[in-house]
């Protein structure tokens, strides 16, 4: 499934997030249009959650934000895994 979606610059696309993105045409279009760095931020924001409930909520919220045109997660310090 992940081969249908581009990864970030550091992070690989997890299956649960990929499935969610592929289920929504508008979000999939946004995903294809954003930069690899922006994709990386979304993936890290989702996978950085410590609890499964938080991860699930971040996927739902992330899709809603992308549907509304947001290109990066808001109010988050950013991916600590990439060099700054």
PDB file of N, CA and C in Angstrom:
ATOM      1  N   UNK A   1       0.827  -1.197   0.000  1.00  0.00           N
ATOM      2  CA  UNK A   1       0.000   0.000   0.000  1.00  0.00           C
ATOM      3  C   UNK A   1       0.864   1.251   0.000  1.00  0.00           C
ATOM      4  N   UNK A   2       1.931   1.268   0.757  1.00  0.00           N
ATOM      5  CA  UNK A   2       2.736   2.473   0.890  1.00  0.00           C
ATOM      6  C   UNK A   2       3.374   2.920  -0.415  1.00  0.00           C
ATOM      7  N   UNK A   3       3.528   2.009  -1.373  1.00  0.00           N
ATOM      8  CA  UNK A   3       4.149   2.395  -2.630  1.00  0.00           C
ATOM      9  C   UNK A   3       3.273   3.379  -3.413  1.00  0.00           C
ATOM     10  N   UNK A   4       2.010   3.534  -3.025  1.00  0.00           N
ATOM     11  CA  UNK A   4       1.115   4.465  -3.697  1.00  0.00           C
ATOM     12  C   UNK A   4       1.290   5.892  -3.182  1.00  0.00           C
ATOM     13  N   UNK A   5       1.955   6.055  -2.054  1.00  0.00           N
ATOM     14  CA  UNK A   5       2.127   7.383  -1.460  1.00  0.00           C
ATOM     15  C   UNK A   5       3.596   7.678  -1.233  1.00  0.00           C
ATOM     16  N   UNK A   6       3.968   8.923  -1.420  1.00  0.00           N
ATOM     17  CA  UNK A   6       5.345   9.339  -1.193  1.00  0.00           C
ATOM     18  C   UNK A   6       5.636   9.413   0.302  1.00  0.00           C
ATOM     19  N   UNK A   7       6.873   9.125   0.656  1.00  0.00           N
ATOM     20  CA  UNK A   7       7.338   9.213   2.040  1.00  0.00           C
ATOM     21  C   UNK A   7       7.790  10.636   2.357  1.00  0.00           C
ATOM     22  N   UNK A   8       8.257  10.816   3.578  1.00  0.00           N
ATOM     23  CA  UNK A   8       8.875  12.069   3.974  1.00  0.00           C
ATOM     24  C   UNK A   8      10.368  12.011   3.703  1.00  0.00           C
ATOM     25  N   UNK A   9      11.102  12.982   4.209  1.00  0.00           N
ATOM     26  CA  UNK A   9      12.547  13.006   3.993  1.00  0.00           C
ATOM     27  C   UNK A   9      13.285  12.085   4.956  1.00  0.00           C
ATOM     28  N   UNK A  10      12.673  11.773   6.078  1.00  0.00           N
ATOM     29  CA  UNK A  10      13.270  10.877   7.068  1.00  0.00           C
ATOM     30  C   UNK A  10      12.362   9.680   7.317  1.00  0.00           C
ATOM     31  N   UNK A  11      11.084   9.936   7.407  1.00  0.00           N
ATOM     32  CA  UNK A  11      10.125   8.920   7.821  1.00  0.00           C
ATOM     33  C   UNK A  11       9.450   8.208   6.660  1.00  0.00           C
ATOM     34  N   UNK A  12       9.221   6.921   6.851  1.00  0.00           N
ATOM     35  CA  UNK A  12       8.460   6.106   5.907  1.00  0.00           C
ATOM     36  C   UNK A  12       6.989   6.200   6.272  1.00  0.00           C
ATOM     37  N   UNK A  13       6.139   6.110   5.279  1.00  0.00           N
ATOM     38  CA  UNK A  13       4.701   6.188   5.473  1.00  0.00           C
ATOM     39  C   UNK A  13       4.192   4.939   6.192  1.00  0.00           C
ATOM     40  N   UNK A  14       3.570   5.102   7.374  1.00  0.00           N
ATOM     41  CA  UNK A  14       2.994   3.941   8.058  1.00  0.00           C
ATOM     42  C   UNK A  14       1.681   3.515   7.393  1.00  0.00           C
ATOM     43  N   UNK A  15       1.369   2.238   7.499  1.00  0.00           N
ATOM     44  CA  UNK A  15       0.190   1.691   6.824  1.00  0.00           C
ATOM     45  C   UNK A  15      -1.116   2.341   7.245  1.00  0.00           C
ATOM     46  N   UNK A  16      -1.291   2.610   8.548  1.00  0.00           N
ATOM     47  CA  UNK A  16      -2.567   3.176   9.001  1.00  0.00           C
ATOM     48  C   UNK A  16      -2.790   4.582   8.445  1.00  0.00           C
ATOM     49  N   UNK A  17      -1.746   5.378   8.395  1.00  0.00           N
ATOM     50  CA  UNK A  17      -1.851   6.730   7.859  1.00  0.00           C
ATOM     51  C   UNK A  17      -2.060   6.680   6.350  1.00  0.00           C
ATOM     52  N   UNK A  18      -1.342   5.788   5.669  1.00  0.00           N
ATOM     53  CA  UNK A  18      -1.499   5.640   4.222  1.00  0.00           C
ATOM     54  C   UNK A  18      -2.931   5.246   3.869  1.00  0.00           C
ATOM     55  N   UNK A  19      -3.469   4.294   4.592  1.00  0.00           N
ATOM     56  CA  UNK A  19      -4.840   3.844   4.330  1.00  0.00           C
ATOM     57  C   UNK A  19      -5.827   5.000   4.489  1.00  0.00           C
ATOM     58  N   UNK A  20      -5.627   5.795   5.519  1.00  0.00           N
ATOM     59  CA  UNK A  20      -6.517   6.932   5.764  1.00  0.00           C
ATOM     60  C   UNK A  20      -6.407   7.961   4.643  1.00  0.00           C
ATOM     61  N   UNK A  21      -5.204   8.278   4.223  1.00  0.00           N
ATOM     62  CA  UNK A  21      -5.005   9.256   3.153  1.00  0.00           C
ATOM     63  C   UNK A  21      -5.619   8.753   1.847  1.00  0.00           C
ATOM     64  N   UNK A  22      -5.400   7.493   1.544  1.00  0.00           N
ATOM     65  CA  UNK A  22      -5.922   6.923   0.298  1.00  0.00           C
ATOM     66  C   UNK A  22      -7.445   6.835   0.288  1.00  0.00           C
ATOM     67  N   UNK A  23      -8.061   6.879   1.454  1.00  0.00           N
ATOM     68  CA  UNK A  23      -9.523   6.774   1.533  1.00  0.00           C
ATOM     69  C   UNK A  23     -10.219   8.104   1.241  1.00  0.00           C
ATOM     70  N   UNK A  24      -9.453   9.183   1.109  1.00  0.00           N
ATOM     71  CA  UNK A  24     -10.036  10.506   0.918  1.00  0.00           C
ATOM     72  C   UNK A  24      -9.364  11.191  -0.276  1.00  0.00           C
ATOM     73  N   UNK A  25     -10.108  11.362  -1.359  1.00  0.00           N
ATOM     74  CA  UNK A  25      -9.536  11.907  -2.596  1.00  0.00           C
ATOM     75  C   UNK A  25      -8.913  13.286  -2.398  1.00  0.00           C
ATOM     76  N   UNK A  26      -9.594  14.173  -1.696  1.00  0.00           N
ATOM     77  CA  UNK A  26      -9.090  15.537  -1.473  1.00  0.00           C
ATOM     78  C   UNK A  26      -7.768  15.504  -0.707  1.00  0.00           C
ATOM     79  N   UNK A  27      -7.711  14.704   0.363  1.00  0.00           N
ATOM     80  CA  UNK A  27      -6.486  14.596   1.167  1.00  0.00           C
ATOM     81  C   UNK A  27      -5.365  13.992   0.321  1.00  0.00           C
ATOM     82  N   UNK A  28      -5.691  12.995  -0.473  1.00  0.00           N
ATOM     83  CA  UNK A  28      -4.687  12.370  -1.337  1.00  0.00           C
ATOM     84  C   UNK A  28      -4.109  13.402  -2.309  1.00  0.00           C
ATOM     85  N   UNK A  29      -4.949  14.267  -2.850  1.00  0.00           N
ATOM     86  CA  UNK A  29      -4.474  15.324  -3.752  1.00  0.00           C
ATOM     87  C   UNK A  29      -3.543  16.289  -3.026  1.00  0.00           C
ATOM     88  N   UNK A  30      -3.906  16.669  -1.800  1.00  0.00           N
ATOM     89  CA  UNK A  30      -3.043  17.549  -1.007  1.00  0.00           C
ATOM     90  C   UNK A  30      -1.714  16.851  -0.742  1.00  0.00           C
ATOM     91  N   UNK A  31      -1.771  15.585  -0.357  1.00  0.00           N
ATOM     92  CA  UNK A  31      -0.559  14.826  -0.052  1.00  0.00           C
ATOM     93  C   UNK A  31       0.391  14.814  -1.252  1.00  0.00           C
ATOM     94  N   UNK A  32      -0.162  14.587  -2.417  1.00  0.00           N
ATOM     95  CA  UNK A  32       0.658  14.561  -3.628  1.00  0.00           C
ATOM     96  C   UNK A  32       1.259  15.922  -3.953  1.00  0.00           C
ATOM     97  N   UNK A  33       0.624  16.991  -3.484  1.00  0.00           N
ATOM     98  CA  UNK A  33       1.056  18.348  -3.814  1.00  0.00           C
ATOM     99  C   UNK A  33       2.049  18.942  -2.812  1.00  0.00           C
ATOM    100  N   UNK A  34       2.105  18.433  -1.591  1.00  0.00           N
ATOM    101  CA  UNK A  34       2.998  19.027  -0.591  1.00  0.00           C
ATOM    102  C   UNK A  34       4.429  18.523  -0.772  1.00  0.00           C
ATOM    103  N   UNK A  35       5.346  19.248  -0.178  1.00  0.00           N
ATOM    104  CA  UNK A  35       6.772  18.915  -0.303  1.00  0.00           C
ATOM    105  C   UNK A  35       7.124  17.682   0.521  1.00  0.00           C
ATOM    106  N   UNK A  36       8.234  17.018   0.195  1.00  0.00           N
ATOM    107  CA  UNK A  36       8.685  15.896   1.010  1.00  0.00           C
ATOM    108  C   UNK A  36       8.902  16.292   2.479  1.00  0.00           C
ATOM    109  N   UNK A  37       9.374  17.515   2.712  1.00  0.00           N
ATOM    110  CA  UNK A  37       9.572  17.972   4.083  1.00  0.00           C
ATOM    111  C   UNK A  37       8.232  18.102   4.810  1.00  0.00           C
ATOM    112  N   UNK A  38       7.221  18.613   4.135  1.00  0.00           N
ATOM    113  CA  UNK A  38       5.892  18.717   4.747  1.00  0.00           C
ATOM    114  C   UNK A  38       5.324  17.330   5.022  1.00  0.00           C
ATOM    115  N   UNK A  39       5.509  16.389   4.083  1.00  0.00           N
ATOM    116  CA  UNK A  39       5.055  15.012   4.313  1.00  0.00           C
ATOM    117  C   UNK A  39       5.738  14.436   5.546  1.00  0.00           C
ATOM    118  N   UNK A  40       7.016  14.702   5.644  1.00  0.00           N
ATOM    119  CA  UNK A  40       7.784  14.217   6.792  1.00  0.00           C
ATOM    120  C   UNK A  40       7.194  14.735   8.105  1.00  0.00           C
ATOM    121  N   UNK A  41       6.829  16.013   8.125  1.00  0.00           N
ATOM    122  CA  UNK A  41       6.253  16.607   9.333  1.00  0.00           C
ATOM    123  C   UNK A  41       4.940  15.918   9.711  1.00  0.00           C
ATOM    124  N   UNK A  42       4.078  15.668   8.717  1.00  0.00           N
ATOM    125  CA  UNK A  42       2.808  14.983   9.001  1.00  0.00           C
ATOM    126  C   UNK A  42       3.053  13.571   9.532  1.00  0.00           C
ATOM    127  N   UNK A  43       3.945  12.839   8.865  1.00  0.00           N
ATOM    128  CA  UNK A  43       4.223  11.458   9.297  1.00  0.00           C
ATOM    129  C   UNK A  43       4.780  11.452  10.710  1.00  0.00           C
ATOM    130  N   UNK A  44       5.732  12.323  10.984  1.00  0.00           N
ATOM    131  CA  UNK A  44       6.338  12.368  12.315  1.00  0.00           C
ATOM    132  C   UNK A  44       5.309  12.767  13.367  1.00  0.00           C
ATOM    133  N   UNK A  45       4.460  13.721  13.048  1.00  0.00           N
ATOM    134  CA  UNK A  45       3.427  14.166  13.979  1.00  0.00           C
ATOM    135  C   UNK A  45       2.523  13.001  14.363  1.00  0.00           C
ATOM    136  N   UNK A  46       2.158  12.183  13.381  1.00  0.00           N
ATOM    137  CA  UNK A  46       1.301  11.024  13.658  1.00  0.00           C
ATOM    138  C   UNK A  46       2.065   9.955  14.437  1.00  0.00           C
ATOM    139  N   UNK A  47       3.249   9.611  13.996  1.00  0.00           N
ATOM    140  CA  UNK A  47       3.976   8.500  14.617  1.00  0.00           C
ATOM    141  C   UNK A  47       4.628   8.868  15.937  1.00  0.00           C
ATOM    142  N   UNK A  48       4.743  10.145  16.219  1.00  0.00           N
ATOM    143  CA  UNK A  48       5.340  10.599  17.479  1.00  0.00           C
ATOM    144  C   UNK A  48       4.381  10.447  18.671  1.00  0.00           C
ATOM    145  N   UNK A  49       3.128  10.131  18.408  1.00  0.00           N
ATOM    146  CA  UNK A  49       2.153   9.961  19.490  1.00  0.00           C
ATOM    147  C   UNK A  49       2.563   8.783  20.378  1.00  0.00           C
ATOM    148  N   UNK A  50       2.429   8.967  21.664  1.00  0.00           N
ATOM    149  CA  UNK A  50       2.833   7.924  22.608  1.00  0.00           C
ATOM    150  C   UNK A  50       1.744   6.872  22.840  1.00  0.00           C
ATOM    151  N   UNK A  51       0.492   7.246  22.660  1.00  0.00           N
ATOM    152  CA  UNK A  51      -0.624   6.324  22.864  1.00  0.00           C
ATOM    153  C   UNK A  51      -1.331   6.051  21.544  1.00  0.00           C
ATOM    154  N   UNK A  52      -1.883   4.848  21.415  1.00  0.00           N
ATOM    155  CA  UNK A  52      -2.633   4.497  20.205  1.00  0.00           C
ATOM    156  C   UNK A  52      -3.811   5.438  19.987  1.00  0.00           C
ATOM    157  N   UNK A  53      -4.471   5.830  21.073  1.00  0.00           N
ATOM    158  CA  UNK A  53      -5.626   6.729  20.952  1.00  0.00           C
ATOM    159  C   UNK A  53      -5.200   8.084  20.388  1.00  0.00           C
ATOM    160  N   UNK A  54      -4.048   8.561  20.821  1.00  0.00           N
ATOM    161  CA  UNK A  54      -3.538   9.844  20.333  1.00  0.00           C
ATOM    162  C   UNK A  54      -3.167   9.736  18.863  1.00  0.00           C
ATOM    163  N   UNK A  55      -2.545   8.642  18.492  1.00  0.00           N
ATOM    164  CA  UNK A  55      -2.167   8.431  17.088  1.00  0.00           C
ATOM    165  C   UNK A  55      -3.413   8.408  16.196  1.00  0.00           C
ATOM    166  N   UNK A  56      -4.426   7.682  16.621  1.00  0.00           N
ATOM    167  CA  UNK A  56      -5.668   7.601  15.862  1.00  0.00           C
ATOM    168  C   UNK A  56      -6.306   8.980  15.733  1.00  0.00           C
ATOM    169  N   UNK A  57      -6.330   9.728  16.830  1.00  0.00           N
ATOM    170  CA  UNK A  57      -6.901  11.083  16.804  1.00  0.00           C
ATOM    171  C   UNK A  57      -6.101  11.989  15.878  1.00  0.00           C
ATOM    172  N   UNK A  58      -4.785  11.870  15.906  1.00  0.00           N
ATOM    173  CA  UNK A  58      -3.950  12.703  15.031  1.00  0.00           C
ATOM    174  C   UNK A  58      -4.196  12.390  13.559  1.00  0.00           C
ATOM    175  N   UNK A  59      -4.445  11.144  13.238  1.00  0.00           N
ATOM    176  CA  UNK A  59      -4.760  10.798  11.847  1.00  0.00           C
ATOM    177  C   UNK A  59      -6.065  11.460  11.437  1.00  0.00           C
ATOM    178  N   UNK A  60      -7.087  11.338  12.276  1.00  0.00           N
ATOM    179  CA  UNK A  60      -8.389  11.936  11.973  1.00  0.00           C
ATOM    180  C   UNK A  60      -8.269  13.455  11.853  1.00  0.00           C
ATOM    181  N   UNK A  61      -7.611  14.072  12.803  1.00  0.00           N
ATOM    182  CA  UNK A  61      -7.438  15.529  12.800  1.00  0.00           C
ATOM    183  C   UNK A  61      -6.566  15.959  11.614  1.00  0.00           C
ATOM    184  N   UNK A  62      -5.516  15.206  11.344  1.00  0.00           N
ATOM    185  CA  UNK A  62      -4.634  15.539  10.228  1.00  0.00           C
ATOM    186  C   UNK A  62      -5.360  15.521   8.899  1.00  0.00           C
ATOM    187  N   UNK A  63      -6.182  14.503   8.679  1.00  0.00           N
ATOM    188  CA  UNK A  63      -6.953  14.448   7.442  1.00  0.00           C
ATOM    189  C   UNK A  63      -7.901  15.630   7.344  1.00  0.00           C
ATOM    190  N   UNK A  64      -8.536  15.975   8.430  1.00  0.00           N
ATOM    191  CA  UNK A  64      -9.444  17.121   8.434  1.00  0.00           C
ATOM    192  C   UNK A  64      -8.694  18.415   8.103  1.00  0.00           C
ATOM    193  N   UNK A  65      -7.508  18.573   8.687  1.00  0.00           N
ATOM    194  CA  UNK A  65      -6.715  19.776   8.426  1.00  0.00           C
ATOM    195  C   UNK A  65      -6.271  19.835   6.967  1.00  0.00           C
ATOM    196  N   UNK A  66      -5.820  18.696   6.433  1.00  0.00           N
ATOM    197  CA  UNK A  66      -5.404  18.679   5.028  1.00  0.00           C
ATOM    198  C   UNK A  66      -6.592  18.948   4.108  1.00  0.00           C
ATOM    199  N   UNK A  67      -7.745  18.405   4.456  1.00  0.00           N
ATOM    200  CA  UNK A  67      -8.963  18.639   3.677  1.00  0.00           C
ATOM    201  C   UNK A  67      -9.282  20.131   3.611  1.00  0.00           C
ATOM    202  N   UNK A  68      -8.922  20.848   4.689  1.00  0.00           N
ATOM    203  CA  UNK A  68      -9.182  22.287   4.774  1.00  0.00           C
ATOM    204  C   UNK A  68      -8.026  23.106   4.205  1.00  0.00           C
ATOM    205  N   UNK A  69      -7.013  22.437   3.661  1.00  0.00           N
ATOM    206  CA  UNK A  69      -5.935  23.148   2.988  1.00  0.00           C
ATOM    207  C   UNK A  69      -4.641  23.310   3.763  1.00  0.00           C
ATOM    208  N   UNK A  70      -4.567  22.820   4.988  1.00  0.00           N
ATOM    209  CA  UNK A  70      -3.313  22.929   5.743  1.00  0.00           C
ATOM    210  C   UNK A  70      -2.266  22.007   5.128  1.00  0.00           C
ATOM    211  N   UNK A  71      -1.073  22.534   4.986  1.00  0.00           N
ATOM    212  CA  UNK A  71      -0.008  21.779   4.336  1.00  0.00           C
ATOM    213  C   UNK A  71       0.991  21.201   5.336  1.00  0.00           C
ATOM    214  N   UNK A  72       0.931  21.649   6.578  1.00  0.00           N
ATOM    215  CA  UNK A  72       1.795  21.120   7.648  1.00  0.00           C
ATOM    216  C   UNK A  72       1.015  21.101   8.942  1.00  0.00           C
ATOM    217  N   UNK A  73       1.392  20.217   9.871  1.00  0.00           N
ATOM    218  CA  UNK A  73       0.713  20.233  11.168  1.00  0.00           C
ATOM    219  C   UNK A  73       0.981  21.559  11.878  1.00  0.00           C
ATOM    220  N   UNK A  74      -0.011  22.080  12.530  1.00  0.00           N
ATOM    221  CA  UNK A  74       0.096  23.360  13.222  1.00  0.00           C
ATOM    222  C   UNK A  74       0.333  23.139  14.714  1.00  0.00           C
ATOM    223  N   UNK A  75       0.958  24.104  15.316  1.00  0.00           N
ATOM    224  CA  UNK A  75       1.136  24.099  16.777  1.00  0.00           C
ATOM    225  C   UNK A  75       1.930  22.886  17.245  1.00  0.00           C
ATOM    226  N   UNK A  76       2.965  22.544  16.520  1.00  0.00           N
ATOM    227  CA  UNK A  76       3.829  21.412  16.838  1.00  0.00           C
ATOM    228  C   UNK A  76       5.258  21.847  16.541  1.00  0.00           C
ATOM    229  N   UNK A  77       6.169  21.481  17.386  1.00  0.00           N
ATOM    230  CA  UNK A  77       7.564  21.953  17.258  1.00  0.00           C
ATOM    231  C   UNK A  77       8.246  21.472  15.987  1.00  0.00           C
ATOM    232  N   UNK A  78       7.744  20.420  15.394  1.00  0.00           N
ATOM    233  CA  UNK A  78       8.346  19.883  14.180  1.00  0.00           C
ATOM    234  C   UNK A  78       9.122  18.611  14.452  1.00  0.00           C
ATOM    235  N   UNK A  79       9.550  17.985  13.401  1.00  0.00           N
ATOM    236  CA  UNK A  79      10.232  16.694  13.503  1.00  0.00           C
ATOM    237  C   UNK A  79      11.609  16.865  14.140  1.00  0.00           C
ATOM    238  N   UNK A  80      11.795  16.193  15.241  1.00  0.00           N
ATOM    239  CA  UNK A  80      13.085  16.242  15.935  1.00  0.00           C
ATOM    240  C   UNK A  80      14.094  15.309  15.281  1.00  0.00           C
ATOM    241  N   UNK A  81      13.669  14.514  14.321  1.00  0.00           N
ATOM    242  CA  UNK A  81      14.528  13.506  13.715  1.00  0.00           C
ATOM    243  C   UNK A  81      15.337  14.024  12.526  1.00  0.00           C
ATOM    244  N   UNK A  82      14.983  15.183  12.015  1.00  0.00           N
ATOM    245  CA  UNK A  82      15.739  15.715  10.890  1.00  0.00           C
ATOM    246  C   UNK A  82      16.751  16.732  11.400  1.00  0.00           C
ATOM    247  N   UNK A  83      17.803  16.896  10.665  1.00  0.00           N
ATOM    248  CA  UNK A  83      18.825  17.874  11.046  1.00  0.00           C
ATOM    249  C   UNK A  83      18.273  19.269  10.811  1.00  0.00           C
ATOM    250  N   UNK A  84      18.524  20.155  11.716  1.00  0.00           N
ATOM    251  CA  UNK A  84      18.040  21.530  11.611  1.00  0.00           C
ATOM    252  C   UNK A  84      19.143  22.452  11.176  1.00  0.00           C
TER     253      UNK A  84
END
